[in-house]
Amino acid sequence: MIILNDYVTSLVPKDGPLLGNMYKEIEDFLKEEAKNPIPFFSTTVLLAPICEEVLFRGIILNGMLKNKIHPIKAILFSSFLFGITHMNPWQFLGGILIGSFIGFIYFTTSSIIDCILLHVFNNAFAIFTMFFFMKNEEFLSKQKNLNFWLILIISFTIIMGCVFLFKKRRKE
C-alpha cells in the first residue's frame, strides 16, 4: 500500500506557480518541524493516528455502516473526508488510498486498534523515510550515531509486524 501510495502521489506535479509554491511551503514546514524530532514524531506517529482513526473509522465509517449505507460507499466517503483533512493534493490522494485500505480493514475486523496500528506504521514509515531518504542533511549532521536510528527503525518494523502477525483474531 505504501509503495502504491507513493506512486500515486508522485503523479501530482510538484512545480508550477500554484503547486510549486505549495509544495515548497510544505517541504520547508516539514524541515522546520524535523528539527525537533521528538514532538514531531509523537504528534505524527502517535497522536494523529489515534485521533484520526477514532474520528474517520470509529465514528464516521462505523456510523455509516450501522445506518446500513453500502460498505463501499461508506469506506470511500470516509476516506474522501480523511484525504481532505490533510489539506494538500499529495496527502489528499494518499489519504484516499490509505484511508480506503484502513477502512476495508475496519469493515472486515471491526477493530479500531488494527486501524490505529496500521496508521501508526504508515506514518512512522513516512517519517523515517523523510529523515533518512530525503537527504535532510541538517537532521543527519546532528545525529551522532546513525546506527542507533537504523536499529530503532528495524526494531520498530519487526515489532509492528509481529503485532499484526500474532494478534489473536476475534471470533465471530
N, C-alpha and C. Protein backbone atom coordinates (compact mmCIF):
# COMPACT_ATOMS: atom_id res chain seq x y z
N MET A 1 0.83 -1.20 0.00
CA MET A 1 0.00 0.00 0.00
C MET A 1 0.87 1.26 0.00
N ILE A 2 1.94 1.22 0.80
CA ILE A 2 2.82 2.39 0.89
C ILE A 2 3.48 2.67 -0.46
N ILE A 3 3.89 1.63 -1.16
CA ILE A 3 4.53 1.80 -2.47
C ILE A 3 3.51 2.34 -3.48
N LEU A 4 2.31 1.78 -3.49
CA LEU A 4 1.25 2.27 -4.38
C LEU A 4 0.92 3.73 -4.05
N ASN A 5 0.81 4.03 -2.78
CA ASN A 5 0.54 5.39 -2.33
C ASN A 5 1.63 6.35 -2.82
N ASP A 6 2.88 5.94 -2.69
CA ASP A 6 3.99 6.78 -3.13
C ASP A 6 3.92 7.01 -4.63
N TYR A 7 3.59 5.97 -5.39
CA TYR A 7 3.50 6.12 -6.84
C TYR A 7 2.37 7.09 -7.22
N VAL A 8 1.20 6.91 -6.64
CA VAL A 8 0.04 7.75 -6.98
C VAL A 8 0.32 9.20 -6.62
N THR A 9 0.88 9.45 -5.45
CA THR A 9 1.15 10.84 -5.05
C THR A 9 2.27 11.46 -5.89
N SER A 10 3.14 10.62 -6.46
CA SER A 10 4.21 11.17 -7.31
C SER A 10 3.65 11.69 -8.64
N LEU A 11 2.43 11.31 -8.98
CA LEU A 11 1.79 11.78 -10.22
C LEU A 11 1.32 13.23 -10.10
N VAL A 12 1.15 13.73 -8.87
CA VAL A 12 0.74 15.12 -8.67
C VAL A 12 1.98 16.00 -8.87
N PRO A 13 1.92 16.98 -9.77
CA PRO A 13 3.09 17.82 -10.05
C PRO A 13 3.57 18.57 -8.80
N LYS A 14 4.89 18.74 -8.72
CA LYS A 14 5.49 19.45 -7.58
C LYS A 14 6.06 20.80 -8.01
N ASP A 15 5.74 21.21 -9.22
CA ASP A 15 6.23 22.50 -9.70
C ASP A 15 5.08 23.29 -10.31
N GLY A 16 5.40 24.45 -10.77
CA GLY A 16 4.36 25.33 -11.31
C GLY A 16 4.05 26.44 -10.34
N PRO A 17 3.28 27.45 -10.79
CA PRO A 17 3.05 28.62 -9.94
C PRO A 17 2.25 28.31 -8.66
N LEU A 18 1.25 27.48 -8.74
CA LEU A 18 0.43 27.20 -7.56
C LEU A 18 0.98 26.01 -6.77
N LEU A 19 1.09 24.86 -7.42
CA LEU A 19 1.54 23.66 -6.72
C LEU A 19 3.00 23.73 -6.31
N GLY A 20 3.82 24.40 -7.11
CA GLY A 20 5.24 24.53 -6.76
C GLY A 20 5.42 25.29 -5.46
N ASN A 21 4.71 26.41 -5.32
CA ASN A 21 4.80 27.18 -4.08
C ASN A 21 4.24 26.40 -2.89
N MET A 22 3.13 25.71 -3.11
CA MET A 22 2.53 24.92 -2.04
C MET A 22 3.47 23.80 -1.60
N TYR A 23 4.08 23.11 -2.57
CA TYR A 23 5.00 22.01 -2.25
C TYR A 23 6.21 22.53 -1.49
N LYS A 24 6.74 23.67 -1.91
CA LYS A 24 7.90 24.28 -1.25
C LYS A 24 7.56 24.65 0.19
N GLU A 25 6.38 25.21 0.41
CA GLU A 25 5.96 25.58 1.76
C GLU A 25 5.82 24.35 2.65
N ILE A 26 5.24 23.29 2.11
CA ILE A 26 5.10 22.05 2.89
C ILE A 26 6.47 21.46 3.20
N GLU A 27 7.34 21.45 2.21
CA GLU A 27 8.69 20.93 2.41
C GLU A 27 9.45 21.73 3.46
N ASP A 28 9.36 23.05 3.40
CA ASP A 28 10.02 23.91 4.38
C ASP A 28 9.44 23.68 5.78
N PHE A 29 8.11 23.54 5.86
CA PHE A 29 7.46 23.27 7.14
C PHE A 29 7.97 21.97 7.74
N LEU A 30 8.04 20.91 6.92
CA LEU A 30 8.50 19.62 7.42
C LEU A 30 9.95 19.67 7.87
N LYS A 31 10.79 20.38 7.13
CA LYS A 31 12.19 20.52 7.54
C LYS A 31 12.31 21.26 8.86
N GLU A 32 11.48 22.27 9.04
CA GLU A 32 11.49 23.03 10.30
C GLU A 32 11.00 22.15 11.46
N GLU A 33 9.93 21.42 11.22
CA GLU A 33 9.39 20.53 12.27
C GLU A 33 10.37 19.41 12.61
N ALA A 34 11.11 18.93 11.62
CA ALA A 34 12.05 17.83 11.83
C ALA A 34 13.22 18.23 12.72
N LYS A 35 13.39 19.52 12.94
CA LYS A 35 14.46 19.97 13.84
C LYS A 35 14.18 19.58 15.28
N ASN A 36 12.92 19.32 15.59
CA ASN A 36 12.52 18.85 16.92
C ASN A 36 11.89 17.47 16.75
N PRO A 37 12.70 16.42 16.59
CA PRO A 37 12.16 15.13 16.19
C PRO A 37 11.22 14.48 17.21
N ILE A 38 11.41 14.69 18.49
CA ILE A 38 10.55 14.01 19.47
C ILE A 38 9.12 14.53 19.41
N PRO A 39 8.87 15.86 19.48
CA PRO A 39 7.48 16.30 19.34
C PRO A 39 6.89 16.01 17.96
N PHE A 40 7.70 16.12 16.93
CA PHE A 40 7.24 15.85 15.57
C PHE A 40 6.83 14.38 15.44
N PHE A 41 7.68 13.49 15.93
CA PHE A 41 7.40 12.06 15.88
C PHE A 41 6.16 11.72 16.70
N SER A 42 6.07 12.25 17.91
CA SER A 42 4.95 11.88 18.79
C SER A 42 3.61 12.37 18.25
N THR A 43 3.56 13.55 17.65
CA THR A 43 2.28 14.00 17.11
C THR A 43 1.94 13.29 15.80
N THR A 44 2.92 13.09 14.95
CA THR A 44 2.67 12.50 13.64
C THR A 44 2.45 10.99 13.72
N VAL A 45 3.19 10.33 14.59
CA VAL A 45 3.15 8.87 14.63
C VAL A 45 2.23 8.33 15.72
N LEU A 46 1.96 9.10 16.75
CA LEU A 46 1.09 8.60 17.82
C LEU A 46 -0.24 9.34 17.90
N LEU A 47 -0.19 10.64 18.09
CA LEU A 47 -1.41 11.41 18.33
C LEU A 47 -2.33 11.45 17.10
N ALA A 48 -1.79 11.78 15.95
CA ALA A 48 -2.61 11.89 14.73
C ALA A 48 -3.31 10.57 14.39
N PRO A 49 -2.61 9.43 14.36
CA PRO A 49 -3.32 8.19 14.04
C PRO A 49 -4.44 7.85 15.02
N ILE A 50 -4.23 8.08 16.30
CA ILE A 50 -5.28 7.78 17.27
C ILE A 50 -6.50 8.65 17.02
N CYS A 51 -6.28 9.96 16.94
CA CYS A 51 -7.40 10.89 16.75
C CYS A 51 -8.10 10.67 15.41
N GLU A 52 -7.33 10.52 14.34
CA GLU A 52 -7.91 10.36 13.01
C GLU A 52 -8.66 9.05 12.87
N GLU A 53 -8.13 7.97 13.41
CA GLU A 53 -8.82 6.69 13.28
C GLU A 53 -10.10 6.66 14.12
N VAL A 54 -10.06 7.23 15.31
CA VAL A 54 -11.27 7.29 16.11
C VAL A 54 -12.35 8.08 15.37
N LEU A 55 -11.96 9.20 14.76
CA LEU A 55 -12.94 10.02 14.03
C LEU A 55 -13.41 9.35 12.73
N PHE A 56 -12.46 9.02 11.85
CA PHE A 56 -12.84 8.59 10.50
C PHE A 56 -13.32 7.15 10.41
N ARG A 57 -12.72 6.25 11.18
CA ARG A 57 -13.17 4.87 11.14
C ARG A 57 -14.14 4.58 12.30
N GLY A 58 -13.80 5.02 13.49
CA GLY A 58 -14.61 4.70 14.66
C GLY A 58 -15.95 5.42 14.71
N ILE A 59 -16.00 6.66 14.25
CA ILE A 59 -17.25 7.42 14.31
C ILE A 59 -17.92 7.49 12.94
N ILE A 60 -17.22 8.04 11.95
CA ILE A 60 -17.85 8.26 10.64
C ILE A 60 -18.15 6.94 9.92
N LEU A 61 -17.12 6.12 9.69
CA LEU A 61 -17.33 4.86 8.96
C LEU A 61 -18.26 3.93 9.74
N ASN A 62 -18.01 3.77 11.02
CA ASN A 62 -18.85 2.89 11.83
C ASN A 62 -20.30 3.38 11.83
N GLY A 63 -20.51 4.67 11.96
CA GLY A 63 -21.86 5.23 11.94
C GLY A 63 -22.57 4.98 10.62
N MET A 64 -21.83 5.14 9.53
CA MET A 64 -22.43 4.89 8.22
C MET A 64 -22.78 3.41 8.04
N LEU A 65 -21.90 2.54 8.49
CA LEU A 65 -22.16 1.11 8.37
C LEU A 65 -23.37 0.70 9.23
N LYS A 66 -23.46 1.27 10.43
CA LYS A 66 -24.61 0.95 11.30
C LYS A 66 -25.92 1.48 10.73
N ASN A 67 -25.84 2.53 9.91
CA ASN A 67 -27.03 3.08 9.27
C ASN A 67 -27.29 2.43 7.91
N LYS A 68 -26.70 1.28 7.70
CA LYS A 68 -26.95 0.45 6.52
C LYS A 68 -26.54 1.08 5.20
N ILE A 69 -25.57 1.99 5.24
CA ILE A 69 -25.01 2.54 4.00
C ILE A 69 -24.07 1.48 3.44
N HIS A 70 -24.12 1.29 2.13
CA HIS A 70 -23.31 0.26 1.49
C HIS A 70 -21.84 0.42 1.91
N PRO A 71 -21.17 -0.68 2.28
CA PRO A 71 -19.79 -0.59 2.77
C PRO A 71 -18.83 0.13 1.83
N ILE A 72 -18.94 -0.10 0.52
CA ILE A 72 -18.02 0.57 -0.41
C ILE A 72 -18.25 2.08 -0.38
N LYS A 73 -19.50 2.51 -0.39
CA LYS A 73 -19.80 3.95 -0.32
C LYS A 73 -19.32 4.53 0.99
N ALA A 74 -19.53 3.82 2.09
CA ALA A 74 -19.12 4.31 3.40
C ALA A 74 -17.60 4.43 3.50
N ILE A 75 -16.90 3.41 3.00
CA ILE A 75 -15.43 3.43 3.04
C ILE A 75 -14.89 4.56 2.18
N LEU A 76 -15.41 4.70 0.96
CA LEU A 76 -14.93 5.76 0.06
C LEU A 76 -15.24 7.15 0.60
N PHE A 77 -16.43 7.34 1.17
CA PHE A 77 -16.78 8.65 1.70
C PHE A 77 -15.90 9.01 2.90
N SER A 78 -15.72 8.08 3.83
CA SER A 78 -14.87 8.38 5.00
C SER A 78 -13.42 8.60 4.57
N SER A 79 -12.97 7.88 3.53
CA SER A 79 -11.61 8.07 3.01
C SER A 79 -11.47 9.41 2.31
N PHE A 80 -12.51 9.83 1.59
CA PHE A 80 -12.50 11.14 0.95
C PHE A 80 -12.37 12.24 2.00
N LEU A 81 -13.16 12.15 3.07
CA LEU A 81 -13.06 13.13 4.15
C LEU A 81 -11.68 13.10 4.80
N PHE A 82 -11.15 11.90 4.98
CA PHE A 82 -9.81 11.74 5.54
C PHE A 82 -8.76 12.43 4.67
N GLY A 83 -8.88 12.26 3.35
CA GLY A 83 -7.95 12.91 2.43
C GLY A 83 -8.05 14.42 2.47
N ILE A 84 -9.28 14.94 2.52
CA ILE A 84 -9.50 16.39 2.54
C ILE A 84 -8.87 17.02 3.78
N THR A 85 -8.94 16.36 4.92
CA THR A 85 -8.42 16.96 6.16
C THR A 85 -6.91 17.17 6.12
N HIS A 86 -6.21 16.51 5.21
CA HIS A 86 -4.76 16.70 5.12
C HIS A 86 -4.40 17.97 4.35
N MET A 87 -5.35 18.55 3.66
CA MET A 87 -5.28 19.89 3.07
C MET A 87 -4.15 20.14 2.09
N ASN A 88 -3.73 19.12 1.35
CA ASN A 88 -2.84 19.34 0.22
C ASN A 88 -3.04 18.20 -0.77
N PRO A 89 -2.78 18.45 -2.05
CA PRO A 89 -3.12 17.45 -3.07
C PRO A 89 -2.36 16.13 -2.93
N TRP A 90 -1.13 16.15 -2.43
CA TRP A 90 -0.33 14.94 -2.31
C TRP A 90 -0.89 14.04 -1.21
N GLN A 91 -1.19 14.61 -0.07
CA GLN A 91 -1.75 13.82 1.02
C GLN A 91 -3.23 13.52 0.79
N PHE A 92 -3.91 14.32 -0.02
CA PHE A 92 -5.30 14.04 -0.35
C PHE A 92 -5.41 12.70 -1.07
N LEU A 93 -4.63 12.54 -2.14
CA LEU A 93 -4.67 11.27 -2.88
C LEU A 93 -4.20 10.12 -2.00
N GLY A 94 -3.13 10.34 -1.27
CA GLY A 94 -2.63 9.30 -0.37
C GLY A 94 -3.63 8.98 0.72
N GLY A 95 -4.31 10.00 1.23
CA GLY A 95 -5.32 9.79 2.26
C GLY A 95 -6.48 8.95 1.78
N ILE A 96 -6.90 9.18 0.55
CA ILE A 96 -7.98 8.37 -0.01
C ILE A 96 -7.54 6.92 -0.16
N LEU A 97 -6.31 6.73 -0.66
CA LEU A 97 -5.81 5.35 -0.85
C LEU A 97 -5.64 4.62 0.48
N ILE A 98 -4.85 5.21 1.36
CA ILE A 98 -4.58 4.58 2.65
C ILE A 98 -5.87 4.51 3.47
N GLY A 99 -6.67 5.56 3.42
CA GLY A 99 -7.94 5.57 4.14
C GLY A 99 -8.88 4.47 3.67
N SER A 100 -8.90 4.20 2.37
CA SER A 100 -9.73 3.12 1.84
C SER A 100 -9.23 1.76 2.33
N PHE A 101 -7.93 1.60 2.31
CA PHE A 101 -7.36 0.33 2.79
C PHE A 101 -7.66 0.12 4.27
N ILE A 102 -7.43 1.15 5.08
CA ILE A 102 -7.70 1.03 6.51
C ILE A 102 -9.20 0.89 6.75
N GLY A 103 -10.01 1.57 5.95
CA GLY A 103 -11.46 1.42 6.06
C GLY A 103 -11.90 -0.01 5.78
N PHE A 104 -11.28 -0.64 4.78
CA PHE A 104 -11.58 -2.03 4.48
C PHE A 104 -11.19 -2.93 5.66
N ILE A 105 -10.04 -2.64 6.24
CA ILE A 105 -9.59 -3.41 7.41
C ILE A 105 -10.60 -3.25 8.54
N TYR A 106 -11.08 -2.02 8.74
CA TYR A 106 -12.08 -1.81 9.80
C TYR A 106 -13.37 -2.58 9.48
N PHE A 107 -13.79 -2.54 8.24
CA PHE A 107 -15.02 -3.24 7.84
C PHE A 107 -14.88 -4.74 8.08
N THR A 108 -13.72 -5.31 7.78
CA THR A 108 -13.56 -6.76 7.91
C THR A 108 -13.27 -7.20 9.34
N THR A 109 -12.61 -6.37 10.15
CA THR A 109 -12.24 -6.79 11.50
C THR A 109 -13.05 -6.13 12.61
N SER A 110 -13.67 -4.99 12.32
CA SER A 110 -14.37 -4.17 13.32
C SER A 110 -13.45 -3.76 14.47
N SER A 111 -12.16 -3.66 14.19
CA SER A 111 -11.18 -3.33 15.22
C SER A 111 -10.55 -1.96 14.95
N ILE A 112 -10.84 -1.02 15.81
CA ILE A 112 -10.22 0.30 15.69
C ILE A 112 -8.73 0.23 16.03
N ILE A 113 -8.36 -0.73 16.88
CA ILE A 113 -6.95 -0.91 17.25
C ILE A 113 -6.12 -1.30 16.02
N ASP A 114 -6.64 -2.22 15.21
CA ASP A 114 -5.93 -2.59 13.97
C ASP A 114 -5.73 -1.36 13.08
N CYS A 115 -6.77 -0.54 12.98
CA CYS A 115 -6.69 0.67 12.15
C CYS A 115 -5.64 1.63 12.70
N ILE A 116 -5.64 1.83 13.99
CA ILE A 116 -4.65 2.73 14.62
C ILE A 116 -3.25 2.20 14.39
N LEU A 117 -3.03 0.91 14.58
CA LEU A 117 -1.70 0.33 14.39
C LEU A 117 -1.23 0.45 12.95
N LEU A 118 -2.13 0.21 11.99
CA LEU A 118 -1.76 0.39 10.58
C LEU A 118 -1.39 1.84 10.28
N HIS A 119 -2.17 2.76 10.82
CA HIS A 119 -1.92 4.18 10.62
C HIS A 119 -0.60 4.59 11.27
N VAL A 120 -0.34 4.09 12.47
CA VAL A 120 0.93 4.36 13.16
C VAL A 120 2.09 3.87 12.30
N PHE A 121 1.97 2.64 11.80
CA PHE A 121 3.03 2.07 10.97
C PHE A 121 3.24 2.89 9.70
N ASN A 122 2.16 3.27 9.05
CA ASN A 122 2.26 4.08 7.83
C ASN A 122 2.97 5.41 8.10
N ASN A 123 2.54 6.11 9.15
CA ASN A 123 3.14 7.41 9.46
C ASN A 123 4.60 7.27 9.91
N ALA A 124 4.89 6.23 10.69
CA ALA A 124 6.27 6.01 11.13
C ALA A 124 7.16 5.74 9.93
N PHE A 125 6.68 4.93 9.01
CA PHE A 125 7.45 4.64 7.80
C PHE A 125 7.70 5.92 7.01
N ALA A 126 6.67 6.75 6.89
CA ALA A 126 6.81 8.01 6.15
C ALA A 126 7.81 8.95 6.83
N ILE A 127 7.74 9.04 8.15
CA ILE A 127 8.65 9.92 8.89
C ILE A 127 10.09 9.42 8.78
N PHE A 128 10.30 8.12 8.97
CA PHE A 128 11.65 7.58 8.87
C PHE A 128 12.18 7.74 7.45
N THR A 129 11.32 7.55 6.47
CA THR A 129 11.73 7.76 5.09
C THR A 129 12.14 9.21 4.86
N MET A 130 11.36 10.12 5.42
CA MET A 130 11.68 11.54 5.27
C MET A 130 13.04 11.85 5.90
N PHE A 131 13.26 11.33 7.10
CA PHE A 131 14.52 11.62 7.80
C PHE A 131 15.73 11.04 7.09
N PHE A 132 15.59 9.87 6.51
CA PHE A 132 16.77 9.17 6.01
C PHE A 132 16.93 9.15 4.50
N PHE A 133 15.88 9.39 3.77
CA PHE A 133 16.00 9.32 2.32
C PHE A 133 15.70 10.62 1.61
N MET A 134 15.32 11.64 2.35
CA MET A 134 15.02 12.92 1.73
C MET A 134 16.27 13.81 1.70
N LYS A 135 17.39 13.25 2.12
CA LYS A 135 18.66 13.99 2.16
C LYS A 135 18.54 15.23 3.04
N ASN A 136 17.98 15.00 4.22
CA ASN A 136 17.83 16.08 5.18
C ASN A 136 19.17 16.23 5.93
N GLU A 137 20.14 16.90 5.29
CA GLU A 137 21.49 16.99 5.82
C GLU A 137 21.53 17.62 7.21
N GLU A 138 20.69 18.61 7.45
CA GLU A 138 20.69 19.27 8.75
C GLU A 138 20.34 18.30 9.86
N PHE A 139 19.35 17.45 9.63
CA PHE A 139 18.98 16.46 10.64
C PHE A 139 20.08 15.42 10.79
N LEU A 140 20.57 14.90 9.66
CA LEU A 140 21.57 13.85 9.72
C LEU A 140 22.87 14.33 10.35
N SER A 141 23.25 15.58 10.11
CA SER A 141 24.50 16.09 10.67
C SER A 141 24.44 16.23 12.18
N LYS A 142 23.23 16.36 12.74
CA LYS A 142 23.09 16.49 14.19
C LYS A 142 23.11 15.14 14.90
N GLN A 143 22.92 14.07 14.17
CA GLN A 143 22.87 12.75 14.78
C GLN A 143 24.28 12.19 14.90
N LYS A 144 24.65 11.77 16.11
CA LYS A 144 25.99 11.25 16.34
C LYS A 144 26.11 9.78 15.99
N ASN A 145 25.01 9.05 16.15
CA ASN A 145 25.09 7.62 15.94
C ASN A 145 23.93 7.15 15.05
N LEU A 146 24.18 7.10 13.76
CA LEU A 146 23.13 6.68 12.84
C LEU A 146 22.79 5.20 12.99
N ASN A 147 23.74 4.42 13.50
CA ASN A 147 23.45 3.01 13.74
C ASN A 147 22.31 2.85 14.74
N PHE A 148 22.25 3.72 15.73
CA PHE A 148 21.16 3.69 16.71
C PHE A 148 19.82 3.86 16.00
N TRP A 149 19.74 4.83 15.09
CA TRP A 149 18.49 5.08 14.37
C TRP A 149 18.14 3.91 13.46
N LEU A 150 19.14 3.32 12.83
CA LEU A 150 18.89 2.18 11.97
C LEU A 150 18.34 1.01 12.79
N ILE A 151 18.94 0.74 13.93
CA ILE A 151 18.47 -0.33 14.82
C ILE A 151 17.06 -0.02 15.30
N LEU A 152 16.79 1.25 15.62
CA LEU A 152 15.46 1.64 16.07
C LEU A 152 14.42 1.40 14.99
N ILE A 153 14.72 1.76 13.76
CA ILE A 153 13.79 1.56 12.64
C ILE A 153 13.52 0.07 12.43
N ILE A 154 14.58 -0.72 12.39
CA ILE A 154 14.42 -2.16 12.18
C ILE A 154 13.62 -2.78 13.32
N SER A 155 13.93 -2.41 14.55
CA SER A 155 13.21 -2.96 15.71
C SER A 155 11.74 -2.58 15.67
N PHE A 156 11.46 -1.32 15.37
CA PHE A 156 10.06 -0.86 15.30
C PHE A 156 9.30 -1.62 14.23
N THR A 157 9.93 -1.81 13.08
CA THR A 157 9.29 -2.53 11.98
C THR A 157 9.01 -3.98 12.37
N ILE A 158 9.96 -4.63 13.01
CA ILE A 158 9.77 -6.03 13.43
C ILE A 158 8.67 -6.13 14.48
N ILE A 159 8.67 -5.22 15.44
CA ILE A 159 7.64 -5.24 16.49
C ILE A 159 6.26 -5.04 15.88
N MET A 160 6.11 -4.05 15.00
CA MET A 160 4.81 -3.80 14.38
C MET A 160 4.37 -5.00 13.54
N GLY A 161 5.30 -5.60 12.82
CA GLY A 161 4.97 -6.79 12.04
C GLY A 161 4.50 -7.93 12.92
N CYS A 162 5.18 -8.13 14.04
CA CYS A 162 4.79 -9.20 14.97
C CYS A 162 3.40 -8.94 15.57
N VAL A 163 3.11 -7.69 15.86
CA VAL A 163 1.79 -7.36 16.40
C VAL A 163 0.70 -7.79 15.42
N PHE A 164 0.89 -7.51 14.14
CA PHE A 164 -0.11 -7.89 13.14
C PHE A 164 -0.14 -9.39 12.90
N LEU A 165 1.01 -10.03 12.90
CA LEU A 165 1.05 -11.46 12.59
C LEU A 165 0.51 -12.34 13.72
N PHE A 166 0.81 -11.96 14.96
CA PHE A 166 0.49 -12.84 16.07
C PHE A 166 -0.70 -12.39 16.91
N LYS A 167 -1.34 -11.34 16.49
CA LYS A 167 -2.50 -10.86 17.25
C LYS A 167 -3.63 -11.87 17.14
N LYS A 168 -4.25 -12.16 18.27
CA LYS A 168 -5.38 -13.08 18.25
C LYS A 168 -6.55 -12.41 17.54
N ARG A 169 -7.12 -13.13 16.60
CA ARG A 169 -8.27 -12.61 15.86
C ARG A 169 -9.55 -12.90 16.63
N ARG A 170 -10.43 -11.94 16.61
CA ARG A 170 -11.73 -12.07 17.28
C ARG A 170 -12.57 -13.10 16.56
N LYS A 171 -13.19 -13.99 17.31
CA LYS A 171 -14.06 -14.99 16.71
C LYS A 171 -15.43 -14.39 16.51
N GLU A 172 -16.00 -14.58 15.33
CA GLU A 172 -17.33 -14.02 15.05
C GLU A 172 -18.35 -15.11 14.95
